[in-house]
Amino acid sequence: MKTCESCKSWIVPDENDYRSRDIWRPTDPDTYEPMEMPWDVRRCASKKFVYFERPVERNGAALVDGSDYFAGLFTGPDFGCTFYEEKE
């Protein structure tokens, strides 16, 4: 199966994205320094995901949260899905 690690939609989030920083770049609570983690976690930026609405295709997917304010899909390198697109 083709996985996120080689997908063009698997991106490093914006450094200023405070809403999700603890997911993809956790900070040590004692030193406030970035923690060394065993693998990368990144955000899926596929344009095929819709936010806060019903999927428009049979193989589609929607992302929601309780507030309809922010939703994002963060994955490890070995996750795979049908929206895979090879990196250039």
Protein backbone atom coordinates (compact mmCIF):
# COMPACT_ATOMS: atom_id res chain seq x y z
CA MET A 1 0.00 0.00 0.00
CA LYS A 2 1.19 3.53 -0.75
CA THR A 3 1.52 5.52 2.44
CA CYS A 4 1.63 9.12 3.67
CA GLU A 5 5.43 9.17 3.84
CA SER A 6 5.64 9.38 0.03
CA CYS A 7 2.40 11.32 -0.59
CA LYS A 8 2.54 14.91 -1.81
CA SER A 9 -0.30 15.93 0.54
CA TRP A 10 1.64 14.95 3.70
CA ILE A 11 3.01 18.31 4.83
CA VAL A 12 4.81 19.82 7.79
CA PRO A 13 2.29 22.26 9.30
CA ASP A 14 2.97 25.96 9.62
CA GLU A 15 5.23 26.61 12.62
CA ASN A 16 2.73 29.21 13.89
CA ASP A 17 -0.21 26.79 13.90
CA TYR A 18 -0.73 26.74 17.66
CA ARG A 19 -3.94 24.69 17.39
CA SER A 20 -2.15 21.50 16.43
CA ARG A 21 1.49 22.03 17.36
CA ASP A 22 1.33 19.58 20.29
CA ILE A 23 0.30 16.82 17.89
CA TRP A 24 3.03 17.17 15.27
CA ARG A 25 5.74 18.84 17.37
CA PRO A 26 5.23 18.01 21.06
CA THR A 27 7.06 20.11 23.63
CA ASP A 28 8.65 18.79 26.81
CA PRO A 29 6.50 20.20 29.66
CA ASP A 30 9.56 20.73 31.88
CA THR A 31 12.00 22.33 29.44
CA TYR A 32 9.59 23.68 26.77
CA GLU A 33 11.97 22.27 24.16
CA PRO A 34 10.78 20.12 21.23
CA MET A 35 10.72 16.43 22.15
CA GLU A 36 12.54 13.78 20.11
CA MET A 37 9.90 11.45 18.70
CA PRO A 38 10.39 8.04 17.02
CA TRP A 39 8.63 9.10 13.77
CA ASP A 40 7.17 12.19 12.08
CA VAL A 41 3.54 13.19 12.31
CA ARG A 42 2.32 15.62 9.69
CA ARG A 43 -0.91 17.12 8.42
CA CYS A 44 -2.74 15.75 5.41
CA ALA A 45 -3.44 18.65 3.04
CA SER A 46 -5.35 16.65 0.43
CA LYS A 47 -7.89 18.83 -1.37
CA LYS A 48 -10.22 15.82 -1.48
CA PHE A 49 -11.21 16.14 2.18
CA VAL A 50 -14.17 18.40 2.91
CA TYR A 51 -14.65 20.26 6.17
CA PHE A 52 -17.90 20.44 8.15
CA GLU A 53 -20.09 19.06 5.36
CA ARG A 54 -21.13 15.76 3.80
CA PRO A 55 -18.57 14.17 1.44
CA VAL A 56 -19.39 14.91 -2.19
CA GLU A 57 -17.92 11.68 -3.63
CA ARG A 58 -18.53 8.03 -2.72
CA ASN A 59 -14.89 7.59 -1.72
CA GLY A 60 -14.78 10.98 0.02
CA ALA A 61 -14.19 11.90 3.63
CA ALA A 62 -15.18 14.79 5.85
CA LEU A 63 -13.37 16.29 8.82
CA VAL A 64 -15.30 17.88 11.68
CA ASP A 65 -14.84 19.00 15.25
CA GLY A 66 -17.36 19.95 17.91
CA SER A 67 -17.12 23.68 17.30
CA ASP A 68 -16.94 23.79 13.49
CA TYR A 69 -13.88 25.98 13.99
CA PHE A 70 -10.88 23.81 13.13
CA ALA A 71 -10.40 20.24 12.01
CA GLY A 72 -7.33 18.57 10.61
CA LEU A 73 -6.12 15.07 9.83
CA PHE A 74 -2.67 14.28 11.22
CA THR A 75 -1.08 10.95 10.38
CA GLY A 76 2.04 8.91 10.89
CA PRO A 77 4.26 7.95 7.94
CA ASP A 78 2.77 4.48 7.50
CA PHE A 79 -0.88 5.56 7.24
CA GLY A 80 -2.37 5.13 3.77
CA CYS A 81 -5.60 6.12 2.04
CA THR A 82 -7.32 6.24 -1.35
CA PHE A 83 -6.43 9.94 -1.78
CA TYR A 84 -2.73 9.10 -2.20
CA GLU A 85 -0.79 11.17 -4.76
CA GLU A 86 2.88 10.52 -5.46
CA LYS A 87 5.34 13.27 -4.53
CA GLU A 88 6.98 14.92 -7.51
